[in-house]
Amino acid sequence: MNMSSPTISDDARRKGVDLAGWLQLAADITAVAEAVAGTASAERSSGPQIVGLAVLARSIGHMRAVSLLIKAELTVEARTITRSLFENMFLAVALSEDGVGTLKDLEADHHASRSKRGKLIAEDTSSFSPAQIIEVRAHLEQLGKGKILVPRNLAENTSVGQAYLFYAQLSGDSAHPSLDALERHVVKDVSGRLLELALEPVGDPDEPQDTVGLACMALLGILFAIRDLLGLTEVSAQIDAVSRAYLRKEGQLPSDTP
């Protein structure tokens, strides 16, 4: 059976959580992220800052996509994009906590990934000409040594390592064609007997708002990381305001907290 990892607390559920409210919060957080991206500037000599702003820009697009997909009732697809938001958060936090080291890890990952793809081409003599294969092999010889950057390792070396649980859950129930994800298309009776296969995936009724809640969590983490990475003290008040709004919505702060 599918097992979700909701961010919305039991207390918030008892108070009555509505999807429209979470989508509005997502829009508010996105607006702050857009404001940060529109005013922030990175030092040309700072690779970590430049990469950090690129991560923020990528994340804004992801959040827009999550909201659109939820409104279109494509929850599995929204959860798949939300998973990418968590991966962005791991990278943003890693950059803010160890910019130089994380940039070196990214470069090593880049070399390892290109080398892996290049070797696949070099071994495929049926699809590529001898001249193309020679060119690829020459390029491979120029590549430095690399190492694939695994999301779990990236997350565990940061202060948000515990959030990897959400990433793993989103991977298992939506992003990957696992049994949990495929079971969404299986309809059973109370005894567990198969009734039919469904074109539209079946999920918990609370899953859309839980998905938006997860996306909000990840984008907030990215905003705090970018603020620290670039020293953006002038936007702290805006980020803190949407963070408190998230905590109120999630039930961790009283509703009358400003």
Protein backbone atom coordinates (compact mmCIF):
# COMPACT_ATOMS: atom_id res chain seq x y z
CA MET A 1 0.00 0.00 0.00
CA ASN A 2 1.10 3.57 -0.60
CA MET A 3 2.42 5.32 2.47
CA SER A 4 2.64 9.11 2.30
CA SER A 5 4.87 11.35 4.39
CA PRO A 6 2.69 14.42 4.87
CA THR A 7 4.09 17.70 6.14
CA ILE A 8 0.68 18.86 7.36
CA SER A 9 0.33 18.15 11.07
CA ASP A 10 -2.61 16.44 12.75
CA ASP A 11 -3.35 19.70 14.52
CA ALA A 12 -3.56 21.51 11.19
CA ARG A 13 -5.88 18.83 9.85
CA ARG A 14 -8.21 19.20 12.84
CA LYS A 15 -8.41 22.92 12.17
CA GLY A 16 -9.41 22.21 8.58
CA VAL A 17 -6.69 22.44 5.95
CA ASP A 18 -7.75 23.56 2.49
CA LEU A 19 -5.89 23.09 -0.76
CA ALA A 20 -6.64 26.64 -1.92
CA GLY A 21 -4.94 28.02 1.17
CA TRP A 22 -1.81 25.98 0.57
CA LEU A 23 -1.71 27.00 -3.09
CA GLN A 24 -1.95 30.64 -2.03
CA LEU A 25 0.94 30.13 0.39
CA ALA A 26 2.93 28.50 -2.42
CA ALA A 27 2.23 31.56 -4.58
CA ASP A 28 3.35 33.89 -1.76
CA ILE A 29 6.60 31.99 -1.24
CA THR A 30 7.21 31.95 -5.00
CA ALA A 31 6.68 35.72 -5.13
CA VAL A 32 9.34 36.21 -2.44
CA ALA A 33 11.69 33.88 -4.33
CA GLU A 34 11.12 35.89 -7.51
CA ALA A 35 11.82 39.13 -5.64
CA VAL A 36 15.06 37.67 -4.25
CA ALA A 37 16.12 36.46 -7.70
CA GLY A 38 15.29 39.84 -9.23
CA THR A 39 17.36 41.87 -6.78
CA ALA A 40 20.22 39.56 -5.75
CA SER A 41 23.59 39.69 -7.43
CA ALA A 42 26.52 37.32 -7.17
CA GLU A 43 30.18 38.16 -7.14
CA ARG A 44 31.60 37.27 -10.55
CA SER A 45 34.50 35.51 -8.87
CA SER A 46 32.24 33.41 -6.61
CA GLY A 47 31.31 30.14 -8.25
CA PRO A 48 29.16 29.01 -5.31
CA GLN A 49 27.10 32.22 -5.41
CA ILE A 50 26.55 31.99 -9.17
CA VAL A 51 25.51 28.35 -8.91
CA GLY A 52 23.29 29.20 -5.94
CA LEU A 53 21.34 31.79 -7.92
CA ALA A 54 20.98 29.30 -10.77
CA VAL A 55 19.54 26.80 -8.27
CA LEU A 56 17.08 29.46 -7.08
CA ALA A 57 15.97 30.22 -10.65
CA ARG A 58 15.50 26.50 -11.34
CA SER A 59 13.51 26.12 -8.13
CA ILE A 60 11.12 28.96 -8.96
CA GLY A 61 10.21 27.15 -12.17
CA HIS A 62 9.72 23.92 -10.26
CA MET A 63 7.37 25.57 -7.77
CA ARG A 64 5.32 27.11 -10.55
CA ALA A 65 5.06 23.67 -12.15
CA VAL A 66 3.95 22.03 -8.89
CA SER A 67 1.09 24.51 -8.50
CA LEU A 68 -0.02 24.09 -12.12
CA LEU A 69 0.07 20.30 -11.88
CA ILE A 70 -1.90 20.24 -8.62
CA LYS A 71 -4.55 22.49 -10.16
CA ALA A 72 -4.68 20.10 -13.13
CA GLU A 73 -5.17 17.19 -10.66
CA LEU A 74 -1.86 15.62 -11.67
CA THR A 75 -0.65 14.90 -8.16
CA VAL A 76 1.88 12.19 -9.02
CA GLU A 77 3.54 14.50 -11.54
CA ALA A 78 3.54 17.33 -8.97
CA ARG A 79 5.21 15.04 -6.44
CA THR A 80 7.85 14.11 -9.01
CA ILE A 81 8.72 17.79 -9.47
CA THR A 82 8.59 18.34 -5.69
CA ARG A 83 11.27 15.66 -5.37
CA SER A 84 13.48 17.81 -7.59
CA LEU A 85 12.83 20.77 -5.29
CA PHE A 86 14.25 18.77 -2.39
CA GLU A 87 17.32 17.92 -4.44
CA ASN A 88 17.69 21.64 -5.18
CA MET A 89 17.40 22.36 -1.46
CA PHE A 90 20.15 19.89 -0.59
CA LEU A 91 22.44 21.58 -3.11
CA ALA A 92 21.54 25.13 -2.03
CA VAL A 93 22.17 24.34 1.64
CA ALA A 94 25.43 22.54 0.80
CA LEU A 95 26.58 25.61 -1.15
CA SER A 96 25.75 27.89 1.78
CA GLU A 97 27.54 25.66 4.29
CA ASP A 98 30.56 24.62 2.19
CA GLY A 99 30.59 26.53 -1.07
CA VAL A 100 34.07 25.63 -2.28
CA GLY A 101 33.80 21.95 -1.40
CA THR A 102 30.33 21.60 -2.91
CA LEU A 103 31.43 23.28 -6.13
CA LYS A 104 34.30 20.80 -6.41
CA ASP A 105 31.81 17.95 -5.88
CA LEU A 106 29.58 19.39 -8.64
CA GLU A 107 32.50 19.60 -11.04
CA ALA A 108 33.51 16.02 -10.23
CA ASP A 109 29.90 14.93 -10.82
CA HIS A 110 29.90 16.78 -14.16
CA HIS A 111 33.04 14.99 -15.31
CA ALA A 112 31.81 11.58 -14.11
CA SER A 113 28.44 12.00 -15.83
CA ARG A 114 29.95 13.11 -19.15
CA SER A 115 32.50 10.31 -18.97
CA LYS A 116 29.80 7.72 -18.35
CA ARG A 117 27.73 8.92 -21.31
CA GLY A 118 30.80 9.15 -23.49
CA LYS A 119 31.79 5.56 -22.75
CA LEU A 120 28.30 4.40 -23.76
CA ILE A 121 28.74 6.15 -27.11
CA ALA A 122 32.26 4.77 -27.57
CA GLU A 123 30.98 1.24 -27.05
CA ASP A 124 28.03 1.62 -29.44
CA THR A 125 29.68 0.84 -32.75
CA SER A 126 26.34 0.08 -34.42
CA SER A 127 24.89 3.57 -33.94
CA PHE A 128 27.94 5.80 -34.38
CA SER A 129 30.55 6.05 -37.11
CA PRO A 130 34.21 5.21 -36.49
CA ALA A 131 35.07 8.90 -36.81
CA GLN A 132 32.50 9.86 -34.18
CA ILE A 133 33.74 7.19 -31.80
CA ILE A 134 37.37 8.33 -32.24
CA GLU A 135 36.29 11.90 -31.47
CA VAL A 136 34.42 10.84 -28.35
CA ARG A 137 37.34 8.72 -27.11
CA ALA A 138 39.71 11.66 -27.59
CA HIS A 139 37.37 13.83 -25.57
CA LEU A 140 37.17 11.22 -22.80
CA GLU A 141 40.95 11.27 -22.46
CA GLN A 142 40.80 15.01 -21.71
CA LEU A 143 38.18 14.72 -18.99
CA GLY A 144 39.34 14.85 -15.42
CA LYS A 145 38.50 12.19 -12.88
CA GLY A 146 35.01 12.46 -11.51
CA LYS A 147 32.61 11.03 -9.00
CA ILE A 148 28.83 10.91 -9.22
CA LEU A 149 27.20 13.16 -6.61
CA VAL A 150 24.53 11.05 -4.92
CA PRO A 151 21.60 13.04 -3.44
CA ARG A 152 21.68 11.08 -0.19
CA ASN A 153 25.36 11.81 0.36
CA LEU A 154 24.81 15.46 -0.51
CA ALA A 155 21.91 15.74 1.95
CA GLU A 156 23.57 13.88 4.81
CA ASN A 157 26.50 16.28 4.84
CA THR A 158 24.22 19.28 5.46
CA SER A 159 22.06 20.58 8.29
CA VAL A 160 18.91 19.44 6.42
CA GLY A 161 19.92 15.82 6.11
CA GLN A 162 16.73 14.58 7.79
CA ALA A 163 14.71 15.96 4.87
CA TYR A 164 16.13 13.17 2.72
CA LEU A 165 13.26 11.06 4.09
CA PHE A 166 10.81 13.20 2.09
CA TYR A 167 12.97 12.92 -1.02
CA ALA A 168 13.07 9.14 -0.66
CA GLN A 169 9.30 8.96 -0.14
CA LEU A 170 8.62 11.06 -3.23
CA SER A 171 11.01 8.86 -5.19
CA GLY A 172 9.25 5.69 -4.08
CA ASP A 173 5.61 6.69 -4.40
CA SER A 174 5.76 8.89 -7.49
CA ALA A 175 9.03 9.59 -9.31
CA HIS A 176 10.13 5.99 -9.88
CA PRO A 177 7.99 3.21 -11.44
CA SER A 178 8.16 1.28 -8.17
CA LEU A 179 5.50 -1.10 -6.91
CA ASP A 180 4.21 1.64 -4.61
CA ALA A 181 3.86 4.05 -7.52
CA LEU A 182 2.32 1.46 -9.85
CA GLU A 183 -0.11 0.35 -7.16
CA ARG A 184 -1.81 3.72 -7.53
CA HIS A 185 -3.36 2.30 -10.71
CA VAL A 186 -4.65 -0.85 -9.01
CA VAL A 187 -8.17 -0.81 -7.54
CA LYS A 188 -8.96 -3.46 -4.92
CA ASP A 189 -11.93 -4.31 -2.75
CA VAL A 190 -11.80 -4.37 1.06
CA SER A 191 -10.47 -7.92 1.01
CA GLY A 192 -7.58 -6.96 -1.26
CA ARG A 193 -9.01 -8.63 -4.35
CA LEU A 194 -8.13 -6.93 -7.64
CA LEU A 195 -11.11 -5.17 -9.19
CA GLU A 196 -9.60 -3.17 -12.04
CA LEU A 197 -6.67 -1.17 -13.32
CA ALA A 198 -7.28 2.58 -13.32
CA LEU A 199 -5.99 5.04 -15.92
CA GLU A 200 -5.92 7.82 -13.35
CA PRO A 201 -3.76 7.08 -10.29
CA VAL A 202 -5.52 6.69 -6.95
CA GLY A 203 -4.19 8.54 -3.92
CA ASP A 204 -5.11 9.85 -0.50
CA PRO A 205 -7.53 12.81 -0.69
CA ASP A 206 -5.09 14.86 1.39
CA GLU A 207 -2.18 14.13 -0.94
CA PRO A 208 -2.50 17.25 -3.14
CA GLN A 209 -2.23 19.62 -0.18
CA ASP A 210 0.48 17.51 1.41
CA THR A 211 2.43 17.76 -1.85
CA VAL A 212 2.12 21.54 -1.91
CA GLY A 213 3.21 21.59 1.74
CA LEU A 214 6.33 19.61 0.88
CA ALA A 215 7.11 21.94 -2.01
CA CYS A 216 6.70 24.97 0.26
CA MET A 217 9.07 23.42 2.78
CA ALA A 218 11.74 22.81 0.15
CA LEU A 219 11.52 26.26 -1.44
CA LEU A 220 11.70 27.91 1.98
CA GLY A 221 14.85 25.91 2.70
CA ILE A 222 16.31 27.12 -0.57
CA LEU A 223 15.46 30.75 0.23
CA PHE A 224 17.15 30.60 3.63
CA ALA A 225 20.22 28.96 2.07
CA ILE A 226 20.50 31.56 -0.71
CA ARG A 227 20.05 34.35 1.82
CA ASP A 228 22.97 33.03 3.86
CA LEU A 229 25.11 32.25 0.81
CA LEU A 230 24.81 35.78 -0.60
CA GLY A 231 24.44 37.64 2.70
CA LEU A 232 21.04 39.05 1.71
CA THR A 233 20.06 40.63 5.00
CA GLU A 234 17.68 43.04 3.26
CA VAL A 235 15.30 40.20 2.29
CA SER A 236 15.33 38.44 5.66
CA ALA A 237 12.06 40.06 6.73
CA GLN A 238 10.22 38.83 3.62
CA ILE A 239 11.59 35.30 3.96
CA ASP A 240 10.81 35.21 7.68
CA ALA A 241 7.23 36.39 6.98
CA VAL A 242 6.43 33.56 4.55
CA SER A 243 8.22 31.10 6.82
CA ARG A 244 5.94 32.08 9.71
CA ALA A 245 2.93 31.81 7.40
CA TYR A 246 4.05 28.26 6.55
CA LEU A 247 4.44 27.36 10.23
CA ARG A 248 0.98 28.75 11.01
CA LYS A 249 -0.52 26.79 8.14
CA GLU A 250 1.29 23.66 9.26
CA GLY A 251 0.02 24.08 12.81
CA GLN A 252 3.40 24.75 14.45
CA LEU A 253 2.53 28.38 15.33
CA PRO A 254 -0.72 29.80 16.70
CA SER A 255 -2.93 31.25 13.99
CA ASP A 256 -2.78 34.71 15.57
CA THR A 257 1.03 34.85 15.47
CA PRO A 258 2.09 37.81 13.27
